[in-house]
PDB file of N, CA and C in Angstrom:
ATOM      1  N   MET A   1     -13.414 -10.472  42.092  1.00  0.00           N
ATOM      2  CA  MET A   1     -12.550 -10.066  40.898  1.00  0.00           C
ATOM      3  C   MET A   1     -12.166  -8.605  41.170  1.00  0.00           C
ATOM      4  N   ASP A   2     -10.582  -8.519  41.398  1.00  0.00           N
ATOM      5  CA  ASP A   2     -10.255  -6.964  41.472  1.00  0.00           C
ATOM      6  C   ASP A   2      -9.873  -6.402  40.556  1.00  0.00           C
ATOM      7  N   ILE A   3     -10.919  -5.382  40.149  1.00  0.00           N
ATOM      8  CA  ILE A   3     -10.789  -4.159  38.584  1.00  0.00           C
ATOM      9  C   ILE A   3      -9.365  -3.743  38.646  1.00  0.00           C
ATOM     10  N   ASN A   4      -8.673  -3.578  39.553  1.00  0.00           N
ATOM     11  CA  ASN A   4      -7.196  -2.641  39.942  1.00  0.00           C
ATOM     12  C   ASN A   4      -6.362  -3.356  39.114  1.00  0.00           C
ATOM     13  N   LYS A   5      -6.432  -4.826  39.227  1.00  0.00           N
ATOM     14  CA  LYS A   5      -5.958  -6.029  38.934  1.00  0.00           C
ATOM     15  C   LYS A   5      -5.942  -6.944  37.281  1.00  0.00           C
ATOM     16  N   LEU A   6      -6.787  -6.194  36.996  1.00  0.00           N
ATOM     17  CA  LEU A   6      -7.205  -7.036  35.511  1.00  0.00           C
ATOM     18  C   LEU A   6      -5.876  -6.633  34.551  1.00  0.00           C
ATOM     19  N   LYS A   7      -5.589  -7.899  33.650  1.00  0.00           N
ATOM     20  CA  LYS A   7      -4.688  -7.668  32.745  1.00  0.00           C
ATOM     21  C   LYS A   7      -5.102  -6.959  31.705  1.00  0.00           C
ATOM     22  N   LEU A   8      -3.863  -6.429  30.826  1.00  0.00           N
ATOM     23  CA  LEU A   8      -4.735  -5.567  29.285  1.00  0.00           C
ATOM     24  C   LEU A   8      -5.798  -6.036  28.778  1.00  0.00           C
ATOM     25  N   LYS A   9      -5.458  -7.278  28.292  1.00  0.00           N
ATOM     26  CA  LYS A   9      -6.278  -8.474  27.394  1.00  0.00           C
ATOM     27  C   LYS A   9      -7.654  -8.481  28.369  1.00  0.00           C
ATOM     28  N   ASP A  10      -7.508  -8.357  29.380  1.00  0.00           N
ATOM     29  CA  ASP A  10      -9.168  -8.553  30.793  1.00  0.00           C
ATOM     30  C   ASP A  10      -9.891  -6.804  30.005  1.00  0.00           C
ATOM     31  N   ARG A  11      -9.091  -6.242  30.040  1.00  0.00           N
ATOM     32  CA  ARG A  11      -9.900  -4.665  30.291  1.00  0.00           C
ATOM     33  C   ARG A  11     -10.179  -4.314  29.186  1.00  0.00           C
ATOM     34  N   ILE A  12      -9.829  -4.935  27.591  1.00  0.00           N
ATOM     35  CA  ILE A  12     -10.319  -4.744  26.406  1.00  0.00           C
ATOM     36  C   ILE A  12     -11.099  -5.936  26.320  1.00  0.00           C
ATOM     37  N   LYS A  13     -11.448  -6.430  26.505  1.00  0.00           N
ATOM     38  CA  LYS A  13     -12.811  -7.261  26.679  1.00  0.00           C
ATOM     39  C   LYS A  13     -14.030  -7.192  27.359  1.00  0.00           C
ATOM     40  N   ALA A  14     -13.294  -6.177  28.784  1.00  0.00           N
ATOM     41  CA  ALA A  14     -14.662  -6.098  29.595  1.00  0.00           C
ATOM     42  C   ALA A  14     -15.278  -4.662  28.999  1.00  0.00           C
ATOM     43  N   PRO A  15     -17.036  -4.663  29.746  1.00  0.00           N
ATOM     44  CA  PRO A  15     -17.544  -3.730  28.560  1.00  0.00           C
ATOM     45  C   PRO A  15     -16.978  -1.847  29.115  1.00  0.00           C
ATOM     46  N   THR A  16     -17.379  -1.407  28.282  1.00  0.00           N
ATOM     47  CA  THR A  16     -16.822   0.172  28.098  1.00  0.00           C
ATOM     48  C   THR A  16     -17.991   0.657  28.740  1.00  0.00           C
ATOM     49  N   PRO A  17     -17.529   1.743  29.873  1.00  0.00           N
ATOM     50  CA  PRO A  17     -18.464   2.694  29.974  1.00  0.00           C
ATOM     51  C   PRO A  17     -19.071   3.773  28.840  1.00  0.00           C
ATOM     52  N   LYS A  18     -20.547   4.298  28.796  1.00  0.00           N
ATOM     53  CA  LYS A  18     -21.265   4.903  27.894  1.00  0.00           C
ATOM     54  C   LYS A  18     -20.120   6.286  27.171  1.00  0.00           C
ATOM     55  N   PHE A  19     -20.133   7.052  28.705  1.00  0.00           N
ATOM     56  CA  PHE A  19     -18.884   8.233  27.957  1.00  0.00           C
ATOM     57  C   PHE A  19     -18.100   7.684  27.356  1.00  0.00           C
ATOM     58  N   PHE A  20     -16.958   6.605  27.671  1.00  0.00           N
ATOM     59  CA  PHE A  20     -16.067   6.303  27.288  1.00  0.00           C
ATOM     60  C   PHE A  20     -15.787   5.737  25.919  1.00  0.00           C
ATOM     61  N   LYS A  21     -17.199   5.251  25.508  1.00  0.00           N
ATOM     62  CA  LYS A  21     -18.036   4.541  24.260  1.00  0.00           C
ATOM     63  C   LYS A  21     -17.869   6.091  23.294  1.00  0.00           C
ATOM     64  N   LYS A  22     -18.233   7.185  23.426  1.00  0.00           N
ATOM     65  CA  LYS A  22     -18.377   8.525  23.018  1.00  0.00           C
ATOM     66  C   LYS A  22     -17.078   8.667  22.372  1.00  0.00           C
ATOM     67  N   ILE A  23     -16.160   9.100  23.664  1.00  0.00           N
ATOM     68  CA  ILE A  23     -14.740   9.235  23.231  1.00  0.00           C
ATOM     69  C   ILE A  23     -14.133   8.497  22.211  1.00  0.00           C
ATOM     70  N   MET A  24     -14.610   7.603  22.120  1.00  0.00           N
ATOM     71  CA  MET A  24     -13.701   6.297  21.270  1.00  0.00           C
ATOM     72  C   MET A  24     -14.369   7.002  20.145  1.00  0.00           C
ATOM     73  N   ALA A  25     -15.921   7.063  20.021  1.00  0.00           N
ATOM     74  CA  ALA A  25     -16.411   7.497  18.512  1.00  0.00           C
ATOM     75  C   ALA A  25     -15.565   8.918  18.158  1.00  0.00           C
ATOM     76  N   TYR A  26     -15.292   9.569  19.007  1.00  0.00           N
ATOM     77  CA  TYR A  26     -14.722  11.473  18.581  1.00  0.00           C
ATOM     78  C   TYR A  26     -12.974  10.674  18.249  1.00  0.00           C
ATOM     79  N   GLY A  27     -12.445   9.947  18.876  1.00  0.00           N
ATOM     80  CA  GLY A  27     -11.250   9.602  18.429  1.00  0.00           C
ATOM     81  C   GLY A  27     -11.158   8.766  17.161  1.00  0.00           C
ATOM     82  N   MET A  28     -11.636   8.118  16.672  1.00  0.00           N
ATOM     83  CA  MET A  28     -12.000   7.647  15.546  1.00  0.00           C
ATOM     84  C   MET A  28     -12.342   8.645  14.410  1.00  0.00           C
ATOM     85  N   GLY A  29     -13.198   9.476  14.860  1.00  0.00           N
ATOM     86  CA  GLY A  29     -13.314  10.741  13.903  1.00  0.00           C
ATOM     87  C   GLY A  29     -11.879  11.761  13.846  1.00  0.00           C
ATOM     88  N   ALA A  30     -11.342  11.422  14.776  1.00  0.00           N
ATOM     89  CA  ALA A  30      -9.959  12.410  14.755  1.00  0.00           C
ATOM     90  C   ALA A  30      -8.874  11.624  13.965  1.00  0.00           C
ATOM     91  N   ILE A  31      -8.758  10.084  14.227  1.00  0.00           N
ATOM     92  CA  ILE A  31      -8.086   9.611  13.014  1.00  0.00           C
ATOM     93  C   ILE A  31      -8.525   9.707  11.292  1.00  0.00           C
ATOM     94  N   ALA A  32      -9.763   9.606  11.027  1.00  0.00           N
ATOM     95  CA  ALA A  32     -10.555   9.899   9.635  1.00  0.00           C
ATOM     96  C   ALA A  32      -9.944  11.151   9.741  1.00  0.00           C
ATOM     97  N   LEU A  33     -10.383  12.762   9.998  1.00  0.00           N
ATOM     98  CA  LEU A  33      -9.922  13.845   9.647  1.00  0.00           C
ATOM     99  C   LEU A  33      -8.173  14.056   9.358  1.00  0.00           C
ATOM    100  N   GLY A  34      -7.593  13.141  10.312  1.00  0.00           N
ATOM    101  CA  GLY A  34      -6.230  13.688   9.860  1.00  0.00           C
ATOM    102  C   GLY A  34      -5.616  12.823   9.551  1.00  0.00           C
ATOM    103  N   THR A  35      -6.387  11.480   8.836  1.00  0.00           N
ATOM    104  CA  THR A  35      -6.070  11.035   7.240  1.00  0.00           C
ATOM    105  C   THR A  35      -6.211  11.627   6.123  1.00  0.00           C
ATOM    106  N   GLY A  36      -7.553  12.300   6.458  1.00  0.00           N
ATOM    107  CA  GLY A  36      -7.984  13.068   5.343  1.00  0.00           C
ATOM    108  C   GLY A  36      -7.240  14.552   4.925  1.00  0.00           C
ATOM    109  N   LEU A  37      -6.618  14.899   5.831  1.00  0.00           N
ATOM    110  CA  LEU A  37      -5.723  15.805   5.981  1.00  0.00           C
ATOM    111  C   LEU A  37      -4.088  15.754   5.508  1.00  0.00           C
ATOM    112  N   ILE A  38      -3.831  14.288   5.645  1.00  0.00           N
ATOM    113  CA  ILE A  38      -2.489  13.849   5.142  1.00  0.00           C
ATOM    114  C   ILE A  38      -2.852  13.527   3.844  1.00  0.00           C
ATOM    115  N   ALA A  39      -3.660  13.129   3.215  1.00  0.00           N
ATOM    116  CA  ALA A  39      -3.835  12.549   2.160  1.00  0.00           C
ATOM    117  C   ALA A  39      -4.910  14.297   0.812  1.00  0.00           C
ATOM    118  N   MET A  40      -5.375  15.107   2.064  1.00  0.00           N
ATOM    119  CA  MET A  40      -5.691  15.663   0.835  1.00  0.00           C
ATOM    120  C   MET A  40      -4.410  16.741  -0.464  1.00  0.00           C
ATOM    121  N   PRO A  41      -3.436  16.736   0.338  1.00  0.00           N
ATOM    122  CA  PRO A  41      -2.192  17.742  -0.859  1.00  0.00           C
ATOM    123  C   PRO A  41      -1.697  16.748  -1.492  1.00  0.00           C
ATOM    124  N   ALA A  42      -1.973  15.234  -1.188  1.00  0.00           N
ATOM    125  CA  ALA A  42      -1.124  14.145  -2.229  1.00  0.00           C
ATOM    126  C   ALA A  42      -2.176  14.228  -3.565  1.00  0.00           C
ATOM    127  N   THR A  43      -3.448  14.494  -3.017  1.00  0.00           N
ATOM    128  CA  THR A  43      -4.615  13.538  -4.259  1.00  0.00           C
ATOM    129  C   THR A  43      -4.496  15.002  -5.046  1.00  0.00           C
ATOM    130  N   LEU A  44      -4.393  16.517  -4.370  1.00  0.00           N
ATOM    131  CA  LEU A  44      -4.694  17.882  -5.366  1.00  0.00           C
ATOM    132  C   LEU A  44      -3.496  17.989  -5.633  1.00  0.00           C
ATOM    133  N   GLY A  45      -2.027  17.289  -5.763  1.00  0.00           N
ATOM    134  CA  GLY A  45      -0.992  17.446  -6.588  1.00  0.00           C
ATOM    135  C   GLY A  45      -0.297  18.812  -5.332  1.00  0.00           C
ATOM    136  N   LEU A  46      -0.486  19.000  -4.833  1.00  0.00           N
ATOM    137  CA  LEU A  46       0.579  20.108  -3.672  1.00  0.00           C
ATOM    138  C   LEU A  46       0.970  19.906  -2.555  1.00  0.00           C
ATOM    139  N   SER A  47       2.230  20.747  -2.245  1.00  0.00           N
ATOM    140  CA  SER A  47       3.160  19.948  -1.441  1.00  0.00           C
ATOM    141  C   SER A  47       2.803  21.456  -0.266  1.00  0.00           C
ATOM    142  N   ILE A  48       2.117  20.525   1.245  1.00  0.00           N
ATOM    143  CA  ILE A  48       1.534  21.642   2.493  1.00  0.00           C
ATOM    144  C   ILE A  48       2.031  20.644   3.244  1.00  0.00           C
ATOM    145  N   PRO A  49       3.189  20.782   3.462  1.00  0.00           N
ATOM    146  CA  PRO A  49       4.461  20.113   4.860  1.00  0.00           C
ATOM    147  C   PRO A  49       2.966  20.644   6.373  1.00  0.00           C
ATOM    148  N   ILE A  50       2.548  21.884   6.308  1.00  0.00           N
ATOM    149  CA  ILE A  50       1.809  21.657   7.453  1.00  0.00           C
ATOM    150  C   ILE A  50       0.233  21.377   7.722  1.00  0.00           C
ATOM    151  N   MET A  51       0.334  20.700   6.531  1.00  0.00           N
ATOM    152  CA  MET A  51      -1.390  20.263   6.616  1.00  0.00           C
ATOM    153  C   MET A  51      -0.551  18.316   7.579  1.00  0.00           C
ATOM    154  N   VAL A  52       0.027  18.205   6.322  1.00  0.00           N
ATOM    155  CA  VAL A  52       0.805  16.847   7.096  1.00  0.00           C
ATOM    156  C   VAL A  52       1.136  16.719   8.567  1.00  0.00           C
ATOM    157  N   LYS A  53       1.612  17.895   8.778  1.00  0.00           N
ATOM    158  CA  LYS A  53       2.049  17.911  10.258  1.00  0.00           C
ATOM    159  C   LYS A  53       0.761  18.024  11.485  1.00  0.00           C
ATOM    160  N   ILE A  54      -0.298  18.713  11.095  1.00  0.00           N
ATOM    161  CA  ILE A  54      -1.060  18.766  11.409  1.00  0.00           C
ATOM    162  C   ILE A  54      -2.136  17.515  11.753  1.00  0.00           C
ATOM    163  N   GLY A  55      -2.013  16.954  10.671  1.00  0.00           N
ATOM    164  CA  GLY A  55      -2.772  15.879   9.739  1.00  0.00           C
ATOM    165  C   GLY A  55      -2.240  15.044  11.413  1.00  0.00           C
ATOM    166  N   THR A  56      -0.671  14.471  11.378  1.00  0.00           N
ATOM    167  CA  THR A  56      -0.355  13.630  11.941  1.00  0.00           C
ATOM    168  C   THR A  56      -0.756  14.091  13.152  1.00  0.00           C
ATOM    169  N   ILE A  57      -0.248  14.909  14.384  1.00  0.00           N
ATOM    170  CA  ILE A  57      -0.530  15.363  15.515  1.00  0.00           C
ATOM    171  C   ILE A  57      -2.592  15.072  15.611  1.00  0.00           C
ATOM    172  N   ILE A  58      -3.405  15.574  14.618  1.00  0.00           N
ATOM    173  CA  ILE A  58      -4.645  14.815  14.913  1.00  0.00           C
ATOM    174  C   ILE A  58      -4.564  13.332  14.900  1.00  0.00           C
ATOM    175  N   ILE A  59      -4.128  12.556  14.166  1.00  0.00           N
ATOM    176  CA  ILE A  59      -3.970  11.298  14.429  1.00  0.00           C
ATOM    177  C   ILE A  59      -3.625  10.354  15.219  1.00  0.00           C
ATOM    178  N   THR A  60      -2.202  11.352  15.959  1.00  0.00           N
ATOM    179  CA  THR A  60      -1.972  10.624  16.933  1.00  0.00           C
ATOM    180  C   THR A  60      -3.103  10.867  18.411  1.00  0.00           C
ATOM    181  N   ALA A  61      -3.261  12.070  18.245  1.00  0.00           N
ATOM    182  CA  ALA A  61      -4.607  12.316  19.336  1.00  0.00           C
ATOM    183  C   ALA A  61      -5.586  11.745  19.461  1.00  0.00           C
ATOM    184  N   GLY A  62      -6.197  11.541  18.008  1.00  0.00           N
ATOM    185  CA  GLY A  62      -7.090  10.333  17.976  1.00  0.00           C
ATOM    186  C   GLY A  62      -6.978   9.032  18.614  1.00  0.00           C
ATOM    187  N   THR A  63      -5.647   8.520  17.662  1.00  0.00           N
ATOM    188  CA  THR A  63      -5.325   7.362  18.659  1.00  0.00           C
ATOM    189  C   THR A  63      -5.257   7.141  19.878  1.00  0.00           C
ATOM    190  N   ALA A  64      -4.584   7.776  20.356  1.00  0.00           N
ATOM    191  CA  ALA A  64      -4.745   7.787  22.090  1.00  0.00           C
ATOM    192  C   ALA A  64      -6.190   7.986  22.744  1.00  0.00           C
ATOM    193  N   LEU A  65      -6.450   8.935  22.226  1.00  0.00           N
ATOM    194  CA  LEU A  65      -8.172   9.238  22.777  1.00  0.00           C
ATOM    195  C   LEU A  65      -9.053   8.025  22.815  1.00  0.00           C
ATOM    196  N   THR A  66      -8.643   6.841  21.643  1.00  0.00           N
ATOM    197  CA  THR A  66      -9.668   5.559  20.977  1.00  0.00           C
ATOM    198  C   THR A  66      -8.880   4.915  21.696  1.00  0.00           C
ATOM    199  N   ALA A  67      -7.866   4.430  22.525  1.00  0.00           N
ATOM    200  CA  ALA A  67      -6.782   3.695  23.327  1.00  0.00           C
ATOM    201  C   ALA A  67      -7.189   3.512  24.380  1.00  0.00           C
ATOM    202  N   VAL A  68      -7.208   4.766  25.137  1.00  0.00           N
ATOM    203  CA  VAL A  68      -7.106   4.988  26.158  1.00  0.00           C
ATOM    204  C   VAL A  68      -8.771   5.081  27.019  1.00  0.00           C
ATOM    205  N   SER A  69      -9.964   5.126  25.975  1.00  0.00           N
ATOM    206  CA  SER A  69     -11.031   5.064  26.039  1.00  0.00           C
ATOM    207  C   SER A  69     -11.168   3.370  26.052  1.00  0.00           C
ATOM    208  N   LYS A  70     -10.799   2.917  25.386  1.00  0.00           N
ATOM    209  CA  LYS A  70     -11.148   1.257  25.616  1.00  0.00           C
ATOM    210  C   LYS A  70     -10.856   0.596  26.614  1.00  0.00           C
ATOM    211  N   THR A  71      -9.802   0.954  26.961  1.00  0.00           N
ATOM    212  CA  THR A  71      -9.136   0.470  28.280  1.00  0.00           C
ATOM    213  C   THR A  71      -9.884   0.718  29.530  1.00  0.00           C
ATOM    214  N   ALA A  72     -10.941   1.452  29.907  1.00  0.00           N
ATOM    215  CA  ALA A  72     -11.522   2.361  30.684  1.00  0.00           C
ATOM    216  C   ALA A  72     -13.242   1.097  30.760  1.00  0.00           C
ATOM    217  N   VAL A  73     -13.226   0.211  32.043  1.00  0.00           N
ATOM    218  CA  VAL A  73     -14.032  -0.814  32.284  1.00  0.00           C
ATOM    219  C   VAL A  73     -15.182   0.129  33.242  1.00  0.00           C
ATOM    220  N   ASP A  74     -16.578  -0.583  32.553  1.00  0.00           N
ATOM    221  CA  ASP A  74     -17.482  -0.299  33.863  1.00  0.00           C
ATOM    222  C   ASP A  74     -17.654  -1.139  34.683  1.00  0.00           C
ATOM    223  N   VAL A  75     -17.144  -0.897  36.068  1.00  0.00           N
ATOM    224  CA  VAL A  75     -17.174  -1.826  37.124  1.00  0.00           C
ATOM    225  C   VAL A  75     -18.275  -2.398  37.129  1.00  0.00           C
ATOM    226  N   GLU A  76     -19.790  -1.888  37.403  1.00  0.00           N
ATOM    227  CA  GLU A  76     -20.575  -2.816  37.562  1.00  0.00           C
ATOM    228  C   GLU A  76     -21.005  -3.450  36.934  1.00  0.00           C
ATOM    229  N   LYS A  77     -20.773  -3.260  35.440  1.00  0.00           N
ATOM    230  CA  LYS A  77     -21.058  -4.306  33.945  1.00  0.00           C
ATOM    231  C   LYS A  77     -20.502  -5.300  34.435  1.00  0.00           C
ATOM    232  N   ALA A  78     -19.123  -5.110  34.444  1.00  0.00           N
ATOM    233  CA  ALA A  78     -17.936  -6.268  34.960  1.00  0.00           C
ATOM    234  C   ALA A  78     -18.175  -7.497  36.063  1.00  0.00           C
ATOM    235  N   ILE A  79     -18.479  -6.760  37.367  1.00  0.00           N
ATOM    236  CA  ILE A  79     -18.855  -7.424  38.582  1.00  0.00           C
ATOM    237  C   ILE A  79     -20.082  -8.527  37.633  1.00  0.00           C
ATOM    238  N   GLU A  80     -21.387  -7.854  37.357  1.00  0.00           N
ATOM    239  CA  GLU A  80     -22.490  -8.831  36.744  1.00  0.00           C
ATOM    240  C   GLU A  80     -22.251  -9.954  35.878  1.00  0.00           C
ATOM    241  N   LYS A  81     -21.116  -8.989  34.715  1.00  0.00           N
ATOM    242  CA  LYS A  81     -20.801 -10.342  33.924  1.00  0.00           C
ATOM    243  C   LYS A  81     -19.799 -11.882  34.795  1.00  0.00           C
ATOM    244  N   ALA A  82     -18.730 -11.199  35.396  1.00  0.00           N
ATOM    245  CA  ALA A  82     -17.901 -12.227  36.306  1.00  0.00           C
ATOM    246  C   ALA A  82     -19.196 -13.037  37.044  1.00  0.00           C
ATOM    247  N   ASN A  83     -19.937 -12.493  37.467  1.00  0.00           N
ATOM    248  CA  ASN A  83     -20.599 -13.119  38.339  1.00  0.00           C
ATOM    249  C   ASN A  83     -21.793 -14.063  37.891  1.00  0.00           C
ATOM    250  N   GLU A  84     -21.941 -13.790  36.715  1.00  0.00           N
ATOM    251  CA  GLU A  84     -22.585 -15.399  35.910  1.00  0.00           C
ATOM    252  C   GLU A  84     -22.181 -16.279  35.615  1.00  0.00           C
TER     253      GLU A  84
END
């Protein structure tokens, strides 16, 4: 099994290292925070465009963190799984 030649589908299904699981959780939290920042002015009946911009940036960063961390592969566990 050559880890460098895995397809995206195989990378997503492969085990994720513990460090990247934490990064994924922080990314999900950032997405929730950004969503809250975007929704807050609308629920309060305010027009605060800077909050929407900041919320959008935070959502984008959280999405990138989550996507990149999900494609990280724990090589040792992946090799063990392949040998089973």
